[in-house]
């Protein structure tokens, strides 16, 4: 098995922020007033989140998910991890979106103090996994509370900015969400900042909830909320690059 970890030893406690934007499967803004009663556990007061993309060796994540639930996750929870969410392929798929593939599961855990050695060891021990790619993040905007949404259509957006532009991008996002979320009935779950910053660039992860694909399509109607989309356009101009995928929430 090949395990790829992008870990930074410093566990930052600062609260930063993130953005929403269009892109692969994304939205010109990502936020709203979504559902209640999330299925993904609690972020609590955790300072660090691990985001692990696990690829199944059989091409099907079903067996891998069972192995995670039966052995790996209980061991990590005993060490202080909290399951924030398990993500899989979106239930509604569309050619406009990249998506979490059928052979992948994303495991998002929160930690008061992350045990990187144990995390690596347990993920490496997964019989059903061929590759694991883990990165560490800190909650920036929202995100440090329990998952506020339930089943629906999720977008995971990864945006990179010059580090000096991050605060402005976060501010633009927060301003835009004020009208964008209630207008379209969507919700930004949270924004996280990658602890591994390189070459003066900072990567932000934004996860947004929509009730379904049709709800996401409604957010394309920019004329309904021109104020928020003007702010999103300003933020978009700050981006160095972006990527992302659609996902659904798996029950833990």
C-alpha atoms as a PDB file:
ATOM      1  CA  UNK A   1       0.000   0.000   0.000  1.00  0.00           C
ATOM      2  CA  UNK A   2       1.153   3.497  -0.717  1.00  0.00           C
ATOM      3  CA  UNK A   3       0.420   6.024   2.014  1.00  0.00           C
ATOM      4  CA  UNK A   4       0.812   9.688   1.142  1.00  0.00           C
ATOM      5  CA  UNK A   5       0.675  12.119   4.045  1.00  0.00           C
ATOM      6  CA  UNK A   6       0.853  15.856   3.874  1.00  0.00           C
ATOM      7  CA  UNK A   7       1.352  16.585   7.562  1.00  0.00           C
ATOM      8  CA  UNK A   8       2.570  19.698   9.311  1.00  0.00           C
ATOM      9  CA  UNK A   9       3.793  19.179  12.861  1.00  0.00           C
ATOM     10  CA  UNK A  10       2.636  22.542  14.141  1.00  0.00           C
ATOM     11  CA  UNK A  11      -0.959  22.337  15.317  1.00  0.00           C
ATOM     12  CA  UNK A  12      -2.236  25.813  14.683  1.00  0.00           C
ATOM     13  CA  UNK A  13      -5.083  27.001  16.879  1.00  0.00           C
ATOM     14  CA  UNK A  14      -5.901  30.240  15.081  1.00  0.00           C
ATOM     15  CA  UNK A  15      -9.271  30.710  13.472  1.00  0.00           C
ATOM     16  CA  UNK A  16      -8.978  31.761   9.839  1.00  0.00           C
ATOM     17  CA  UNK A  17     -11.581  31.618   7.060  1.00  0.00           C
ATOM     18  CA  UNK A  18     -12.314  30.368   3.600  1.00  0.00           C
ATOM     19  CA  UNK A  19     -14.324  30.915   0.462  1.00  0.00           C
ATOM     20  CA  UNK A  20     -16.876  29.610  -1.949  1.00  0.00           C
ATOM     21  CA  UNK A  21     -16.469  29.647  -5.687  1.00  0.00           C
ATOM     22  CA  UNK A  22     -17.417  28.032  -8.881  1.00  0.00           C
ATOM     23  CA  UNK A  23     -15.234  25.361 -10.389  1.00  0.00           C
ATOM     24  CA  UNK A  24     -15.448  21.623 -10.821  1.00  0.00           C
ATOM     25  CA  UNK A  25     -18.722  20.776  -9.190  1.00  0.00           C
ATOM     26  CA  UNK A  26     -18.572  24.033  -7.270  1.00  0.00           C
ATOM     27  CA  UNK A  27     -20.681  27.064  -6.882  1.00  0.00           C
ATOM     28  CA  UNK A  28     -19.976  30.722  -7.342  1.00  0.00           C
ATOM     29  CA  UNK A  29     -20.746  30.750  -3.650  1.00  0.00           C
ATOM     30  CA  UNK A  30     -21.155  27.922  -1.198  1.00  0.00           C
ATOM     31  CA  UNK A  31     -23.434  28.528   1.745  1.00  0.00           C
ATOM     32  CA  UNK A  32     -27.014  28.518   2.960  1.00  0.00           C
ATOM     33  CA  UNK A  33     -29.591  27.541   5.528  1.00  0.00           C
ATOM     34  CA  UNK A  34     -29.549  23.805   5.046  1.00  0.00           C
ATOM     35  CA  UNK A  35     -30.904  20.774   6.834  1.00  0.00           C
ATOM     36  CA  UNK A  36     -30.576  19.814  10.457  1.00  0.00           C
ATOM     37  CA  UNK A  37     -29.335  16.832  12.398  1.00  0.00           C
ATOM     38  CA  UNK A  38     -26.065  15.923  10.703  1.00  0.00           C
ATOM     39  CA  UNK A  39     -24.871  12.331  10.393  1.00  0.00           C
ATOM     40  CA  UNK A  40     -21.207  13.047  10.831  1.00  0.00           C
ATOM     41  CA  UNK A  41     -20.378  13.467  14.491  1.00  0.00           C
ATOM     42  CA  UNK A  42     -18.979  16.532  16.152  1.00  0.00           C
ATOM     43  CA  UNK A  43     -15.987  18.742  15.637  1.00  0.00           C
ATOM     44  CA  UNK A  44     -16.191  19.868  19.274  1.00  0.00           C
ATOM     45  CA  UNK A  45     -13.242  21.995  20.304  1.00  0.00           C
ATOM     46  CA  UNK A  46     -10.811  20.080  18.111  1.00  0.00           C
ATOM     47  CA  UNK A  47      -7.905  22.101  16.782  1.00  0.00           C
ATOM     48  CA  UNK A  48      -7.102  19.797  13.880  1.00  0.00           C
ATOM     49  CA  UNK A  49      -9.039  17.886  11.220  1.00  0.00           C
ATOM     50  CA  UNK A  50      -7.644  15.026   9.172  1.00  0.00           C
ATOM     51  CA  UNK A  51      -9.037  14.559   5.657  1.00  0.00           C
ATOM     52  CA  UNK A  52      -8.163  11.118   4.284  1.00  0.00           C
ATOM     53  CA  UNK A  53      -8.969   9.979   0.753  1.00  0.00           C
ATOM     54  CA  UNK A  54      -8.874   6.176   0.787  1.00  0.00           C
ATOM     55  CA  UNK A  55      -8.853   4.183  -2.443  1.00  0.00           C
ATOM     56  CA  UNK A  56     -10.244   0.643  -2.417  1.00  0.00           C
ATOM     57  CA  UNK A  57      -8.041  -2.141  -3.757  1.00  0.00           C
ATOM     58  CA  UNK A  58     -11.095  -3.880  -5.230  1.00  0.00           C
ATOM     59  CA  UNK A  59     -12.587  -0.858  -6.981  1.00  0.00           C
ATOM     60  CA  UNK A  60     -15.601  -0.798  -4.662  1.00  0.00           C
ATOM     61  CA  UNK A  61     -15.689   1.160  -1.427  1.00  0.00           C
ATOM     62  CA  UNK A  62     -18.387  -0.991   0.229  1.00  0.00           C
ATOM     63  CA  UNK A  63     -16.041  -3.547   1.785  1.00  0.00           C
ATOM     64  CA  UNK A  64     -13.605  -0.806   2.705  1.00  0.00           C
ATOM     65  CA  UNK A  65     -16.342   1.071   4.534  1.00  0.00           C
ATOM     66  CA  UNK A  66     -17.243  -2.037   6.532  1.00  0.00           C
ATOM     67  CA  UNK A  67     -13.612  -2.536   7.535  1.00  0.00           C
ATOM     68  CA  UNK A  68     -13.319   1.086   8.597  1.00  0.00           C
ATOM     69  CA  UNK A  69     -16.424   0.868  10.763  1.00  0.00           C
ATOM     70  CA  UNK A  70     -15.568  -2.470  12.349  1.00  0.00           C
ATOM     71  CA  UNK A  71     -11.954  -1.899  13.340  1.00  0.00           C
ATOM     72  CA  UNK A  72     -10.139   1.229  12.199  1.00  0.00           C
ATOM     73  CA  UNK A  73     -12.526   3.949  13.354  1.00  0.00           C
ATOM     74  CA  UNK A  74     -13.107   2.460  16.819  1.00  0.00           C
ATOM     75  CA  UNK A  75      -9.341   2.362  17.368  1.00  0.00           C
ATOM     76  CA  UNK A  76      -8.912   5.971  16.271  1.00  0.00           C
ATOM     77  CA  UNK A  77     -11.881   7.100  18.365  1.00  0.00           C
ATOM     78  CA  UNK A  78     -10.325   5.430  21.407  1.00  0.00           C
ATOM     79  CA  UNK A  79      -7.250   7.585  20.742  1.00  0.00           C
ATOM     80  CA  UNK A  80      -9.310  10.790  20.796  1.00  0.00           C
ATOM     81  CA  UNK A  81     -10.510  11.160  17.209  1.00  0.00           C
ATOM     82  CA  UNK A  82     -14.113  12.166  16.501  1.00  0.00           C
ATOM     83  CA  UNK A  83     -15.713  11.113  13.217  1.00  0.00           C
ATOM     84  CA  UNK A  84     -16.816  14.380  11.650  1.00  0.00           C
ATOM     85  CA  UNK A  85     -18.079  12.797   8.414  1.00  0.00           C
ATOM     86  CA  UNK A  86     -17.631   9.929   5.987  1.00  0.00           C
ATOM     87  CA  UNK A  87     -18.077  10.892   2.351  1.00  0.00           C
ATOM     88  CA  UNK A  88     -18.782   8.843  -0.772  1.00  0.00           C
ATOM     89  CA  UNK A  89     -19.991   9.361  -4.350  1.00  0.00           C
ATOM     90  CA  UNK A  90     -22.857  11.814  -4.798  1.00  0.00           C
ATOM     91  CA  UNK A  91     -26.248  10.134  -5.064  1.00  0.00           C
ATOM     92  CA  UNK A  92     -27.096  12.462  -7.948  1.00  0.00           C
ATOM     93  CA  UNK A  93     -24.399  12.510 -10.577  1.00  0.00           C
ATOM     94  CA  UNK A  94     -23.941  14.965 -13.395  1.00  0.00           C
ATOM     95  CA  UNK A  95     -21.382  15.230 -16.192  1.00  0.00           C
ATOM     96  CA  UNK A  96     -20.657  18.815 -15.129  1.00  0.00           C
ATOM     97  CA  UNK A  97     -19.105  17.575 -11.884  1.00  0.00           C
ATOM     98  CA  UNK A  98     -16.052  15.681 -10.873  1.00  0.00           C
ATOM     99  CA  UNK A  99     -17.075  13.380  -8.074  1.00  0.00           C
ATOM    100  CA  UNK A 100     -15.740  11.086  -5.428  1.00  0.00           C
ATOM    101  CA  UNK A 101     -15.301   7.868  -7.383  1.00  0.00           C
ATOM    102  CA  UNK A 102     -16.963   4.551  -6.530  1.00  0.00           C
ATOM    103  CA  UNK A 103     -13.612   3.186  -5.325  1.00  0.00           C
ATOM    104  CA  UNK A 104     -12.984   6.025  -2.848  1.00  0.00           C
ATOM    105  CA  UNK A 105     -14.129   6.971   0.628  1.00  0.00           C
ATOM    106  CA  UNK A 106     -13.210  10.230   2.336  1.00  0.00           C
ATOM    107  CA  UNK A 107     -12.813  10.046   6.109  1.00  0.00           C
ATOM    108  CA  UNK A 108     -12.866  13.353   7.957  1.00  0.00           C
ATOM    109  CA  UNK A 109     -11.867  13.228  11.641  1.00  0.00           C
ATOM    110  CA  UNK A 110     -11.452  15.934  14.243  1.00  0.00           C
ATOM    111  CA  UNK A 111      -8.747  15.815  16.916  1.00  0.00           C
ATOM    112  CA  UNK A 112      -7.908  17.809  19.997  1.00  0.00           C
ATOM    113  CA  UNK A 113      -4.389  16.500  19.488  1.00  0.00           C
ATOM    114  CA  UNK A 114      -3.892  14.480  16.333  1.00  0.00           C
ATOM    115  CA  UNK A 115      -1.867  11.269  16.640  1.00  0.00           C
ATOM    116  CA  UNK A 116      -0.301  11.220  13.190  1.00  0.00           C
ATOM    117  CA  UNK A 117       1.681   8.039  13.846  1.00  0.00           C
ATOM    118  CA  UNK A 118      -1.389   6.062  14.908  1.00  0.00           C
ATOM    119  CA  UNK A 119      -3.483   7.511  12.093  1.00  0.00           C
ATOM    120  CA  UNK A 120      -0.899   6.485   9.503  1.00  0.00           C
ATOM    121  CA  UNK A 121      -0.500   3.030  11.026  1.00  0.00           C
ATOM    122  CA  UNK A 122      -4.226   2.311  11.179  1.00  0.00           C
ATOM    123  CA  UNK A 123      -4.941   3.514   7.660  1.00  0.00           C
ATOM    124  CA  UNK A 124      -1.963   1.584   6.309  1.00  0.00           C
ATOM    125  CA  UNK A 125      -3.312  -1.559   7.976  1.00  0.00           C
ATOM    126  CA  UNK A 126      -6.573  -1.426   6.020  1.00  0.00           C
ATOM    127  CA  UNK A 127      -6.656  -4.641   4.033  1.00  0.00           C
ATOM    128  CA  UNK A 128      -9.068  -3.198   1.499  1.00  0.00           C
ATOM    129  CA  UNK A 129      -7.084  -0.033   0.724  1.00  0.00           C
ATOM    130  CA  UNK A 130      -4.539   0.451  -2.053  1.00  0.00           C
ATOM    131  CA  UNK A 131      -3.722   4.103  -1.334  1.00  0.00           C
ATOM    132  CA  UNK A 132      -4.404   6.714   1.310  1.00  0.00           C
ATOM    133  CA  UNK A 133      -3.821  10.436   0.912  1.00  0.00           C
ATOM    134  CA  UNK A 134      -4.195  12.386   4.161  1.00  0.00           C
ATOM    135  CA  UNK A 135      -3.891  16.100   4.823  1.00  0.00           C
ATOM    136  CA  UNK A 136      -4.327  18.100   8.038  1.00  0.00           C
ATOM    137  CA  UNK A 137      -6.515  21.177   8.373  1.00  0.00           C
ATOM    138  CA  UNK A 138      -7.676  23.723  10.941  1.00  0.00           C
ATOM    139  CA  UNK A 139     -11.221  25.049  11.097  1.00  0.00           C
ATOM    140  CA  UNK A 140     -11.361  28.571   9.691  1.00  0.00           C
ATOM    141  CA  UNK A 141     -14.968  29.630   9.128  1.00  0.00           C
ATOM    142  CA  UNK A 142     -17.537  27.467  10.887  1.00  0.00           C
ATOM    143  CA  UNK A 143     -16.432  23.854  10.648  1.00  0.00           C
ATOM    144  CA  UNK A 144     -15.433  23.419  14.291  1.00  0.00           C
ATOM    145  CA  UNK A 145     -19.033  22.658  15.285  1.00  0.00           C
ATOM    146  CA  UNK A 146     -20.895  19.371  14.711  1.00  0.00           C
ATOM    147  CA  UNK A 147     -21.897  18.790  11.119  1.00  0.00           C
ATOM    148  CA  UNK A 148     -25.071  20.912  10.801  1.00  0.00           C
ATOM    149  CA  UNK A 149     -26.567  19.238   7.734  1.00  0.00           C
ATOM    150  CA  UNK A 150     -27.825  15.779   6.840  1.00  0.00           C
ATOM    151  CA  UNK A 151     -28.300  13.936   3.581  1.00  0.00           C
ATOM    152  CA  UNK A 152     -28.081  16.064   0.462  1.00  0.00           C
ATOM    153  CA  UNK A 153     -25.791  17.103  -2.368  1.00  0.00           C
ATOM    154  CA  UNK A 154     -22.361  18.256  -1.134  1.00  0.00           C
ATOM    155  CA  UNK A 155     -19.563  20.084  -2.891  1.00  0.00           C
ATOM    156  CA  UNK A 156     -15.985  19.892  -1.596  1.00  0.00           C
ATOM    157  CA  UNK A 157     -13.998  22.823  -3.006  1.00  0.00           C
ATOM    158  CA  UNK A 158     -10.237  23.212  -2.761  1.00  0.00           C
ATOM    159  CA  UNK A 159      -8.995  26.736  -3.495  1.00  0.00           C
ATOM    160  CA  UNK A 160      -5.452  28.070  -3.312  1.00  0.00           C
ATOM    161  CA  UNK A 161      -4.634  31.710  -2.666  1.00  0.00           C
ATOM    162  CA  UNK A 162      -1.526  33.686  -2.067  1.00  0.00           C
ATOM    163  CA  UNK A 163      -1.191  33.647   1.694  1.00  0.00           C
ATOM    164  CA  UNK A 164      -1.466  37.422   1.902  1.00  0.00           C
ATOM    165  CA  UNK A 165      -4.865  37.262   0.126  1.00  0.00           C
ATOM    166  CA  UNK A 166      -6.471  34.670   2.383  1.00  0.00           C
ATOM    167  CA  UNK A 167      -7.988  37.096   4.883  1.00  0.00           C
ATOM    168  CA  UNK A 168      -9.576  39.144   2.119  1.00  0.00           C
ATOM    169  CA  UNK A 169     -10.981  36.010   0.474  1.00  0.00           C
ATOM    170  CA  UNK A 170     -12.478  34.909   3.771  1.00  0.00           C
ATOM    171  CA  UNK A 171     -13.988  38.295   4.428  1.00  0.00           C
ATOM    172  CA  UNK A 172     -15.583  38.374   0.977  1.00  0.00           C
ATOM    173  CA  UNK A 173     -17.060  34.939   1.590  1.00  0.00           C
ATOM    174  CA  UNK A 174     -18.622  35.876   4.911  1.00  0.00           C
ATOM    175  CA  UNK A 175     -20.106  39.025   3.452  1.00  0.00           C
ATOM    176  CA  UNK A 176     -21.590  37.129   0.523  1.00  0.00           C
ATOM    177  CA  UNK A 177     -23.106  34.342   2.608  1.00  0.00           C
ATOM    178  CA  UNK A 178     -25.312  36.809   4.479  1.00  0.00           C
ATOM    179  CA  UNK A 179     -27.683  37.038   1.504  1.00  0.00           C
ATOM    180  CA  UNK A 180     -26.600  34.025  -0.566  1.00  0.00           C
ATOM    181  CA  UNK A 181     -27.570  31.341   1.923  1.00  0.00           C
ATOM    182  CA  UNK A 182     -31.123  32.497   2.697  1.00  0.00           C
ATOM    183  CA  UNK A 183     -31.780  33.343  -0.942  1.00  0.00           C
ATOM    184  CA  UNK A 184     -31.106  29.808  -2.140  1.00  0.00           C
ATOM    185  CA  UNK A 185     -31.650  27.712   1.000  1.00  0.00           C
ATOM    186  CA  UNK A 186     -28.183  26.209   0.955  1.00  0.00           C
ATOM    187  CA  UNK A 187     -25.528  26.098   3.663  1.00  0.00           C
ATOM    188  CA  UNK A 188     -21.762  26.351   3.907  1.00  0.00           C
ATOM    189  CA  UNK A 189     -20.819  23.570   6.309  1.00  0.00           C
ATOM    190  CA  UNK A 190     -17.390  25.005   6.964  1.00  0.00           C
ATOM    191  CA  UNK A 191     -14.081  26.179   5.596  1.00  0.00           C
ATOM    192  CA  UNK A 192     -10.743  24.734   6.646  1.00  0.00           C
ATOM    193  CA  UNK A 193      -7.153  25.846   6.128  1.00  0.00           C
ATOM    194  CA  UNK A 194      -4.451  23.367   5.106  1.00  0.00           C
ATOM    195  CA  UNK A 195      -1.666  23.260   7.716  1.00  0.00           C
ATOM    196  CA  UNK A 196       0.894  22.516   5.016  1.00  0.00           C
ATOM    197  CA  UNK A 197       1.467  25.876   3.344  1.00  0.00           C
ATOM    198  CA  UNK A 198       3.999  25.938   0.515  1.00  0.00           C
ATOM    199  CA  UNK A 199       5.671  28.579  -1.635  1.00  0.00           C
ATOM    200  CA  UNK A 200       3.617  31.417  -0.192  1.00  0.00           C
ATOM    201  CA  UNK A 201       0.334  29.703  -1.106  1.00  0.00           C
ATOM    202  CA  UNK A 202      -2.479  28.650   1.201  1.00  0.00           C
ATOM    203  CA  UNK A 203      -5.057  25.978   0.365  1.00  0.00           C
ATOM    204  CA  UNK A 204      -8.586  26.257   1.703  1.00  0.00           C
ATOM    205  CA  UNK A 205     -11.233  23.524   1.787  1.00  0.00           C
ATOM    206  CA  UNK A 206     -14.867  24.594   1.656  1.00  0.00           C
ATOM    207  CA  UNK A 207     -17.718  22.115   2.019  1.00  0.00           C
ATOM    208  CA  UNK A 208     -21.183  23.290   1.005  1.00  0.00           C
ATOM    209  CA  UNK A 209     -24.539  21.551   1.359  1.00  0.00           C
ATOM    210  CA  UNK A 210     -27.437  21.672  -1.115  1.00  0.00           C
ATOM    211  CA  UNK A 211     -30.689  19.800  -0.633  1.00  0.00           C
ATOM    212  CA  UNK A 212     -30.196  18.186  -4.055  1.00  0.00           C
ATOM    213  CA  UNK A 213     -28.724  18.800  -7.495  1.00  0.00           C
ATOM    214  CA  UNK A 214     -31.704  20.975  -8.468  1.00  0.00           C
ATOM    215  CA  UNK A 215     -30.956  23.200  -5.488  1.00  0.00           C
ATOM    216  CA  UNK A 216     -27.392  23.646  -6.728  1.00  0.00           C
ATOM    217  CA  UNK A 217     -28.770  24.556 -10.177  1.00  0.00           C
ATOM    218  CA  UNK A 218     -30.926  27.263  -8.579  1.00  0.00           C
ATOM    219  CA  UNK A 219     -27.769  28.932  -7.278  1.00  0.00           C
ATOM    220  CA  UNK A 220     -26.706  29.518 -10.888  1.00  0.00           C
ATOM    221  CA  UNK A 221     -29.406  32.182 -11.143  1.00  0.00           C
ATOM    222  CA  UNK A 222     -27.069  35.054 -10.347  1.00  0.00           C
ATOM    223  CA  UNK A 223     -29.765  37.677 -10.895  1.00  0.00           C
ATOM    224  CA  UNK A 224     -31.614  36.544  -7.774  1.00  0.00           C
ATOM    225  CA  UNK A 225     -28.818  37.790  -5.534  1.00  0.00           C
ATOM    226  CA  UNK A 226     -26.484  40.122  -7.461  1.00  0.00           C
ATOM    227  CA  UNK A 227     -24.888  41.481  -4.280  1.00  0.00           C
ATOM    228  CA  UNK A 228     -23.439  38.132  -3.229  1.00  0.00           C
ATOM    229  CA  UNK A 229     -22.252  37.257  -6.695  1.00  0.00           C
ATOM    230  CA  UNK A 230     -20.403  40.553  -7.015  1.00  0.00           C
ATOM    231  CA  UNK A 231     -18.532  39.589  -3.844  1.00  0.00           C
ATOM    232  CA  UNK A 232     -17.892  36.066  -5.148  1.00  0.00           C
ATOM    233  CA  UNK A 233     -16.453  37.546  -8.328  1.00  0.00           C
ATOM    234  CA  UNK A 234     -14.014  39.620  -6.295  1.00  0.00           C
ATOM    235  CA  UNK A 235     -12.962  36.530  -4.384  1.00  0.00           C
ATOM    236  CA  UNK A 236     -12.632  34.506  -7.577  1.00  0.00           C
ATOM    237  CA  UNK A 237     -10.153  37.056  -8.875  1.00  0.00           C
ATOM    238  CA  UNK A 238      -7.895  36.262  -5.904  1.00  0.00           C
ATOM    239  CA  UNK A 239      -7.723  32.510  -6.611  1.00  0.00           C
ATOM    240  CA  UNK A 240      -4.545  30.905  -7.880  1.00  0.00           C
ATOM    241  CA  UNK A 241      -6.341  27.665  -8.727  1.00  0.00           C
ATOM    242  CA  UNK A 242      -9.235  25.509  -7.574  1.00  0.00           C
ATOM    243  CA  UNK A 243     -10.465  21.929  -7.715  1.00  0.00           C
ATOM    244  CA  UNK A 244     -13.171  19.871  -6.104  1.00  0.00           C
ATOM    245  CA  UNK A 245     -15.761  17.156  -6.280  1.00  0.00           C
ATOM    246  CA  UNK A 246     -19.351  16.314  -5.444  1.00  0.00           C
ATOM    247  CA  UNK A 247     -20.118  13.941  -2.604  1.00  0.00           C
ATOM    248  CA  UNK A 248     -22.785  12.384  -0.430  1.00  0.00           C
ATOM    249  CA  UNK A 249     -22.717  11.812   3.285  1.00  0.00           C
ATOM    250  CA  UNK A 250     -22.259   8.208   4.393  1.00  0.00           C
ATOM    251  CA  UNK A 251     -23.746   7.108   7.699  1.00  0.00           C
ATOM    252  CA  UNK A 252     -21.033   6.358  10.225  1.00  0.00           C
END
